[in-house]
Amino acid sequence: MTGVAQERLERLLRLVLGQRLSSRTTFIRFVLVGGTGYVVYQSVLFLMYDSPLIWFLPAKNTSADILVFE
C-alpha cells in the first residue's frame, strides 16, 4: 500500500470511528436522561398519590363518575 493510500484509509477510519463513537455517546446520554426523568416522574406520582403529604387528592381505589367514564 502506498503512503497516500494508507493516509486516506487512516483518515477514513478516523472519520467512521468518530461518527460511530459520537452516536453511541448520544445514545448513552439519551438513555441516562430518559431513565432519570422516569425515576423522577414516578417519585413525584408516588408522593402525590400514595403519600399523606398532599391530602386534597382522592384516596386510593376511589370511584368517580365523570360523564361516560367510571
PDB file of N, CA and C in Angstrom:
ATOM      1  N   MET A   1       0.858  -1.169   0.000  1.00  0.00           N
ATOM      2  CA  MET A   1       0.000   0.000   0.000  1.00  0.00           C
ATOM      3  C   MET A   1       0.905   1.234   0.000  1.00  0.00           C
ATOM      4  N   THR A   2       0.576   2.176  -0.825  1.00  0.00           N
ATOM      5  CA  THR A   2       1.395   3.385  -0.912  1.00  0.00           C
ATOM      6  C   THR A   2       1.093   4.301   0.259  1.00  0.00           C
ATOM      7  N   GLY A   3       1.941   5.277   0.456  1.00  0.00           N
ATOM      8  CA  GLY A   3       1.770   6.212   1.563  1.00  0.00           C
ATOM      9  C   GLY A   3       0.489   7.013   1.450  1.00  0.00           C
ATOM     10  N   VAL A   4       0.135   7.424   0.231  1.00  0.00           N
ATOM     11  CA  VAL A   4      -1.080   8.218   0.023  1.00  0.00           C
ATOM     12  C   VAL A   4      -2.324   7.374   0.308  1.00  0.00           C
ATOM     13  N   ALA A   5      -2.340   6.142  -0.174  1.00  0.00           N
ATOM     14  CA  ALA A   5      -3.490   5.263   0.052  1.00  0.00           C
ATOM     15  C   ALA A   5      -3.640   4.943   1.533  1.00  0.00           C
ATOM     16  N   GLN A   6      -2.535   4.751   2.214  1.00  0.00           N
ATOM     17  CA  GLN A   6      -2.591   4.445   3.643  1.00  0.00           C
ATOM     18  C   GLN A   6      -3.115   5.645   4.425  1.00  0.00           C
ATOM     19  N   GLU A   7      -2.689   6.845   4.053  1.00  0.00           N
ATOM     20  CA  GLU A   7      -3.184   8.049   4.727  1.00  0.00           C
ATOM     21  C   GLU A   7      -4.686   8.216   4.511  1.00  0.00           C
ATOM     22  N   ARG A   8      -5.143   7.959   3.288  1.00  0.00           N
ATOM     23  CA  ARG A   8      -6.583   8.062   3.007  1.00  0.00           C
ATOM     24  C   ARG A   8      -7.371   7.035   3.816  1.00  0.00           C
ATOM     25  N   LEU A   9      -6.834   5.816   3.900  1.00  0.00           N
ATOM     26  CA  LEU A   9      -7.505   4.772   4.674  1.00  0.00           C
ATOM     27  C   LEU A   9      -7.566   5.147   6.151  1.00  0.00           C
ATOM     28  N   GLU A  10      -6.464   5.662   6.682  1.00  0.00           N
ATOM     29  CA  GLU A  10      -6.449   6.075   8.088  1.00  0.00           C
ATOM     30  C   GLU A  10      -7.429   7.217   8.331  1.00  0.00           C
ATOM     31  N   ARG A  11      -7.490   8.169   7.409  1.00  0.00           N
ATOM     32  CA  ARG A  11      -8.409   9.298   7.545  1.00  0.00           C
ATOM     33  C   ARG A  11      -9.860   8.808   7.513  1.00  0.00           C
ATOM     34  N   LEU A  12     -10.139   7.866   6.603  1.00  0.00           N
ATOM     35  CA  LEU A  12     -11.484   7.299   6.510  1.00  0.00           C
ATOM     36  C   LEU A  12     -11.856   6.545   7.788  1.00  0.00           C
ATOM     37  N   LEU A  13     -10.925   5.759   8.307  1.00  0.00           N
ATOM     38  CA  LEU A  13     -11.188   5.021   9.547  1.00  0.00           C
ATOM     39  C   LEU A  13     -11.442   5.970  10.711  1.00  0.00           C
ATOM     40  N   ARG A  14     -10.645   7.031  10.814  1.00  0.00           N
ATOM     41  CA  ARG A  14     -10.864   8.014  11.888  1.00  0.00           C
ATOM     42  C   ARG A  14     -12.236   8.662  11.767  1.00  0.00           C
ATOM     43  N   LEU A  15     -12.617   8.988  10.541  1.00  0.00           N
ATOM     44  CA  LEU A  15     -13.916   9.619  10.316  1.00  0.00           C
ATOM     45  C   LEU A  15     -15.060   8.678  10.697  1.00  0.00           C
ATOM     46  N   VAL A  16     -14.993   7.440  10.244  1.00  0.00           N
ATOM     47  CA  VAL A  16     -16.055   6.467  10.529  1.00  0.00           C
ATOM     48  C   VAL A  16     -16.117   6.156  12.020  1.00  0.00           C
ATOM     49  N   LEU A  17     -14.974   5.919  12.639  1.00  0.00           N
ATOM     50  CA  LEU A  17     -14.969   5.625  14.075  1.00  0.00           C
ATOM     51  C   LEU A  17     -15.436   6.823  14.889  1.00  0.00           C
ATOM     52  N   GLY A  18     -15.073   8.019  14.479  1.00  0.00           N
ATOM     53  CA  GLY A  18     -15.527   9.220  15.178  1.00  0.00           C
ATOM     54  C   GLY A  18     -17.032   9.366  15.138  1.00  0.00           C
ATOM     55  N   GLN A  19     -17.627   9.090  13.986  1.00  0.00           N
ATOM     56  CA  GLN A  19     -19.086   9.172  13.872  1.00  0.00           C
ATOM     57  C   GLN A  19     -19.760   8.098  14.717  1.00  0.00           C
ATOM     58  N   ARG A  20     -19.237   6.895  14.696  1.00  0.00           N
ATOM     59  CA  ARG A  20     -19.830   5.796  15.469  1.00  0.00           C
ATOM     60  C   ARG A  20     -19.748   6.075  16.963  1.00  0.00           C
ATOM     61  N   LEU A  21     -18.603   6.558  17.420  1.00  0.00           N
ATOM     62  CA  LEU A  21     -18.448   6.810  18.851  1.00  0.00           C
ATOM     63  C   LEU A  21     -19.312   7.974  19.302  1.00  0.00           C
ATOM     64  N   SER A  22     -19.458   9.010  18.485  1.00  0.00           N
ATOM     65  CA  SER A  22     -20.294  10.137  18.891  1.00  0.00           C
ATOM     66  C   SER A  22     -21.759   9.734  18.938  1.00  0.00           C
ATOM     67  N   SER A  23     -22.205   8.870  18.027  1.00  0.00           N
ATOM     68  CA  SER A  23     -23.601   8.443  18.073  1.00  0.00           C
ATOM     69  C   SER A  23     -23.852   7.535  19.281  1.00  0.00           C
ATOM     70  N   ARG A  24     -22.869   6.745  19.664  1.00  0.00           N
ATOM     71  CA  ARG A  24     -23.007   5.898  20.848  1.00  0.00           C
ATOM     72  C   ARG A  24     -23.090   6.769  22.104  1.00  0.00           C
ATOM     73  N   THR A  25     -22.272   7.814  22.153  1.00  0.00           N
ATOM     74  CA  THR A  25     -22.306   8.734  23.291  1.00  0.00           C
ATOM     75  C   THR A  25     -23.670   9.411  23.384  1.00  0.00           C
ATOM     76  N   THR A  26     -24.208   9.814  22.260  1.00  0.00           N
ATOM     77  CA  THR A  26     -25.528  10.435  22.243  1.00  0.00           C
ATOM     78  C   THR A  26     -26.588   9.463  22.742  1.00  0.00           C
ATOM     79  N   PHE A  27     -26.514   8.215  22.331  1.00  0.00           N
ATOM     80  CA  PHE A  27     -27.481   7.208  22.776  1.00  0.00           C
ATOM     81  C   PHE A  27     -27.374   6.978  24.279  1.00  0.00           C
ATOM     82  N   ILE A  28     -26.150   6.908  24.790  1.00  0.00           N
ATOM     83  CA  ILE A  28     -25.959   6.705  26.231  1.00  0.00           C
ATOM     84  C   ILE A  28     -26.525   7.886  27.007  1.00  0.00           C
ATOM     85  N   ARG A  29     -26.290   9.102  26.521  1.00  0.00           N
ATOM     86  CA  ARG A  29     -26.865  10.283  27.180  1.00  0.00           C
ATOM     87  C   ARG A  29     -28.391  10.229  27.156  1.00  0.00           C
ATOM     88  N   PHE A  30     -28.955   9.830  26.019  1.00  0.00           N
ATOM     89  CA  PHE A  30     -30.403   9.717  25.883  1.00  0.00           C
ATOM     90  C   PHE A  30     -30.972   8.737  26.903  1.00  0.00           C
ATOM     91  N   VAL A  31     -30.323   7.583  27.049  1.00  0.00           N
ATOM     92  CA  VAL A  31     -30.792   6.568  27.996  1.00  0.00           C
ATOM     93  C   VAL A  31     -30.681   7.082  29.429  1.00  0.00           C
ATOM     94  N   LEU A  32     -29.583   7.744  29.760  1.00  0.00           N
ATOM     95  CA  LEU A  32     -29.408   8.259  31.123  1.00  0.00           C
ATOM     96  C   LEU A  32     -30.435   9.340  31.446  1.00  0.00           C
ATOM     97  N   VAL A  33     -30.643  10.273  30.530  1.00  0.00           N
ATOM     98  CA  VAL A  33     -31.609  11.347  30.777  1.00  0.00           C
ATOM     99  C   VAL A  33     -33.027  10.782  30.840  1.00  0.00           C
ATOM    100  N   GLY A  34     -33.353   9.859  29.941  1.00  0.00           N
ATOM    101  CA  GLY A  34     -34.683   9.248  29.958  1.00  0.00           C
ATOM    102  C   GLY A  34     -34.934   8.454  31.226  1.00  0.00           C
ATOM    103  N   GLY A  35     -33.945   7.680  31.657  1.00  0.00           N
ATOM    104  CA  GLY A  35     -34.081   6.900  32.892  1.00  0.00           C
ATOM    105  C   GLY A  35     -34.235   7.784  34.110  1.00  0.00           C
ATOM    106  N   THR A  36     -33.452   8.847  34.155  1.00  0.00           N
ATOM    107  CA  THR A  36     -33.544   9.783  35.278  1.00  0.00           C
ATOM    108  C   THR A  36     -34.908  10.466  35.299  1.00  0.00           C
ATOM    109  N   GLY A  37     -35.382  10.886  34.136  1.00  0.00           N
ATOM    110  CA  GLY A  37     -36.703  11.515  34.055  1.00  0.00           C
ATOM    111  C   GLY A  37     -37.810  10.578  34.500  1.00  0.00           C
ATOM    112  N   TYR A  38     -37.701   9.307  34.118  1.00  0.00           N
ATOM    113  CA  TYR A  38     -38.705   8.318  34.511  1.00  0.00           C
ATOM    114  C   TYR A  38     -38.720   8.136  36.026  1.00  0.00           C
ATOM    115  N   VAL A  39     -37.558   8.022  36.629  1.00  0.00           N
ATOM    116  CA  VAL A  39     -37.481   7.835  38.082  1.00  0.00           C
ATOM    117  C   VAL A  39     -38.043   9.054  38.809  1.00  0.00           C
ATOM    118  N   VAL A  40     -37.709  10.247  38.349  1.00  0.00           N
ATOM    119  CA  VAL A  40     -38.229  11.467  38.979  1.00  0.00           C
ATOM    120  C   VAL A  40     -39.748  11.523  38.833  1.00  0.00           C
ATOM    121  N   TYR A  41     -40.251  11.209  37.650  1.00  0.00           N
ATOM    122  CA  TYR A  41     -41.694  11.227  37.404  1.00  0.00           C
ATOM    123  C   TYR A  41     -42.419  10.235  38.306  1.00  0.00           C
ATOM    124  N   GLN A  42     -41.906   9.021  38.418  1.00  0.00           N
ATOM    125  CA  GLN A  42     -42.530   8.015  39.272  1.00  0.00           C
ATOM    126  C   GLN A  42     -42.485   8.433  40.740  1.00  0.00           C
ATOM    127  N   SER A  43     -41.400   9.064  41.152  1.00  0.00           N
ATOM    128  CA  SER A  43     -41.286   9.533  42.539  1.00  0.00           C
ATOM    129  C   SER A  43     -42.318  10.609  42.834  1.00  0.00           C
ATOM    130  N   VAL A  44     -42.493  11.531  41.904  1.00  0.00           N
ATOM    131  CA  VAL A  44     -43.484  12.592  42.100  1.00  0.00           C
ATOM    132  C   VAL A  44     -44.888  11.996  42.159  1.00  0.00           C
ATOM    133  N   LEU A  45     -45.186  11.064  41.277  1.00  0.00           N
ATOM    134  CA  LEU A  45     -46.506  10.427  41.323  1.00  0.00           C
ATOM    135  C   LEU A  45     -46.722   9.684  42.636  1.00  0.00           C
ATOM    136  N   PHE A  46     -45.697   8.999  43.122  1.00  0.00           N
ATOM    137  CA  PHE A  46     -45.831   8.304  44.404  1.00  0.00           C
ATOM    138  C   PHE A  46     -46.119   9.296  45.516  1.00  0.00           C
ATOM    139  N   LEU A  47     -45.357  10.381  45.546  1.00  0.00           N
ATOM    140  CA  LEU A  47     -45.571  11.373  46.602  1.00  0.00           C
ATOM    141  C   LEU A  47     -46.958  11.998  46.512  1.00  0.00           C
ATOM    142  N   MET A  48     -47.452  12.185  45.297  1.00  0.00           N
ATOM    143  CA  MET A  48     -48.759  12.825  45.153  1.00  0.00           C
ATOM    144  C   MET A  48     -49.913  11.892  45.508  1.00  0.00           C
ATOM    145  N   TYR A  49     -49.837  10.636  45.127  1.00  0.00           N
ATOM    146  CA  TYR A  49     -50.992   9.751  45.278  1.00  0.00           C
ATOM    147  C   TYR A  49     -50.905   8.785  46.457  1.00  0.00           C
ATOM    148  N   ASP A  50     -49.730   8.416  46.888  1.00  0.00           N
ATOM    149  CA  ASP A  50     -49.612   7.426  47.959  1.00  0.00           C
ATOM    150  C   ASP A  50     -49.126   8.012  49.274  1.00  0.00           C
ATOM    151  N   SER A  51     -48.849   9.258  49.287  1.00  0.00           N
ATOM    152  CA  SER A  51     -48.334   9.879  50.498  1.00  0.00           C
ATOM    153  C   SER A  51     -49.411  10.784  51.102  1.00  0.00           C
ATOM    154  N   PRO A  52     -49.474  10.840  52.416  1.00  0.00           N
ATOM    155  CA  PRO A  52     -50.458  11.730  53.050  1.00  0.00           C
ATOM    156  C   PRO A  52     -50.045  13.203  53.012  1.00  0.00           C
ATOM    157  N   LEU A  53     -48.925  13.515  52.389  1.00  0.00           N
ATOM    158  CA  LEU A  53     -48.466  14.903  52.337  1.00  0.00           C
ATOM    159  C   LEU A  53     -49.413  15.790  51.533  1.00  0.00           C
ATOM    160  N   ILE A  54     -49.996  15.240  50.491  1.00  0.00           N
ATOM    161  CA  ILE A  54     -50.933  16.013  49.674  1.00  0.00           C
ATOM    162  C   ILE A  54     -52.320  15.437  49.945  1.00  0.00           C
ATOM    163  N   TRP A  55     -53.009  16.008  50.897  1.00  0.00           N
ATOM    164  CA  TRP A  55     -54.238  15.457  51.433  1.00  0.00           C
ATOM    165  C   TRP A  55     -55.453  15.697  50.543  1.00  0.00           C
ATOM    166  N   PHE A  56     -55.413  16.677  49.648  1.00  0.00           N
ATOM    167  CA  PHE A  56     -56.608  17.039  48.896  1.00  0.00           C
ATOM    168  C   PHE A  56     -56.861  16.153  47.670  1.00  0.00           C
ATOM    169  N   LEU A  57     -55.947  15.269  47.313  1.00  0.00           N
ATOM    170  CA  LEU A  57     -56.184  14.342  46.204  1.00  0.00           C
ATOM    171  C   LEU A  57     -57.018  13.158  46.691  1.00  0.00           C
ATOM    172  N   PRO A  58     -57.775  12.514  45.811  1.00  0.00           N
ATOM    173  CA  PRO A  58     -58.600  11.384  46.243  1.00  0.00           C
ATOM    174  C   PRO A  58     -57.751  10.218  46.743  1.00  0.00           C
ATOM    175  N   ALA A  59     -58.332   9.427  47.630  1.00  0.00           N
ATOM    176  CA  ALA A  59     -57.629   8.271  48.186  1.00  0.00           C
ATOM    177  C   ALA A  59     -57.533   7.165  47.141  1.00  0.00           C
ATOM    178  N   LYS A  60     -56.737   6.161  47.465  1.00  0.00           N
ATOM    179  CA  LYS A  60     -56.603   5.013  46.569  1.00  0.00           C
ATOM    180  C   LYS A  60     -57.945   4.322  46.385  1.00  0.00           C
ATOM    181  N   ASN A  61     -58.143   3.766  45.196  1.00  0.00           N
ATOM    182  CA  ASN A  61     -59.339   2.992  44.861  1.00  0.00           C
ATOM    183  C   ASN A  61     -60.637   3.776  45.029  1.00  0.00           C
ATOM    184  N   THR A  62     -60.594   5.083  44.864  1.00  0.00           N
ATOM    185  CA  THR A  62     -61.791   5.906  44.933  1.00  0.00           C
ATOM    186  C   THR A  62     -62.489   5.876  43.584  1.00  0.00           C
ATOM    187  N   SER A  63     -63.780   5.592  43.587  1.00  0.00           N
ATOM    188  CA  SER A  63     -64.547   5.547  42.346  1.00  0.00           C
ATOM    189  C   SER A  63     -65.060   6.942  42.027  1.00  0.00           C
ATOM    190  N   ALA A  64     -65.023   7.290  40.744  1.00  0.00           N
ATOM    191  CA  ALA A  64     -65.508   8.606  40.323  1.00  0.00           C
ATOM    192  C   ALA A  64     -66.309   8.445  39.040  1.00  0.00           C
ATOM    193  N   ASP A  65     -67.454   9.111  38.962  1.00  0.00           N
ATOM    194  CA  ASP A  65     -68.268   9.102  37.748  1.00  0.00           C
ATOM    195  C   ASP A  65     -68.056  10.426  37.021  1.00  0.00           C
ATOM    196  N   ILE A  66     -67.404  10.346  35.878  1.00  0.00           N
ATOM    197  CA  ILE A  66     -67.160  11.542  35.068  1.00  0.00           C
ATOM    198  C   ILE A  66     -67.786  11.286  33.703  1.00  0.00           C
ATOM    199  N   LEU A  67     -68.975  11.802  33.493  1.00  0.00           N
ATOM    200  CA  LEU A  67     -69.758  11.614  32.270  1.00  0.00           C
ATOM    201  C   LEU A  67     -69.830  10.144  31.870  1.00  0.00           C
ATOM    202  N   VAL A  68     -69.052   9.710  30.897  1.00  0.00           N
ATOM    203  CA  VAL A  68     -69.145   8.332  30.420  1.00  0.00           C
ATOM    204  C   VAL A  68     -68.100   7.426  31.044  1.00  0.00           C
ATOM    205  N   PHE A  69     -67.178   7.975  31.795  1.00  0.00           N
ATOM    206  CA  PHE A  69     -66.125   7.171  32.420  1.00  0.00           C
ATOM    207  C   PHE A  69     -66.522   6.801  33.839  1.00  0.00           C
ATOM    208  N   GLU A  70     -66.149   5.633  34.256  1.00  0.00           N
ATOM    209  CA  GLU A  70     -66.484   5.213  35.618  1.00  0.00           C
ATOM    210  C   GLU A  70     -65.238   4.811  36.354  1.00  0.00           C
TER     211      GLU A  70
END
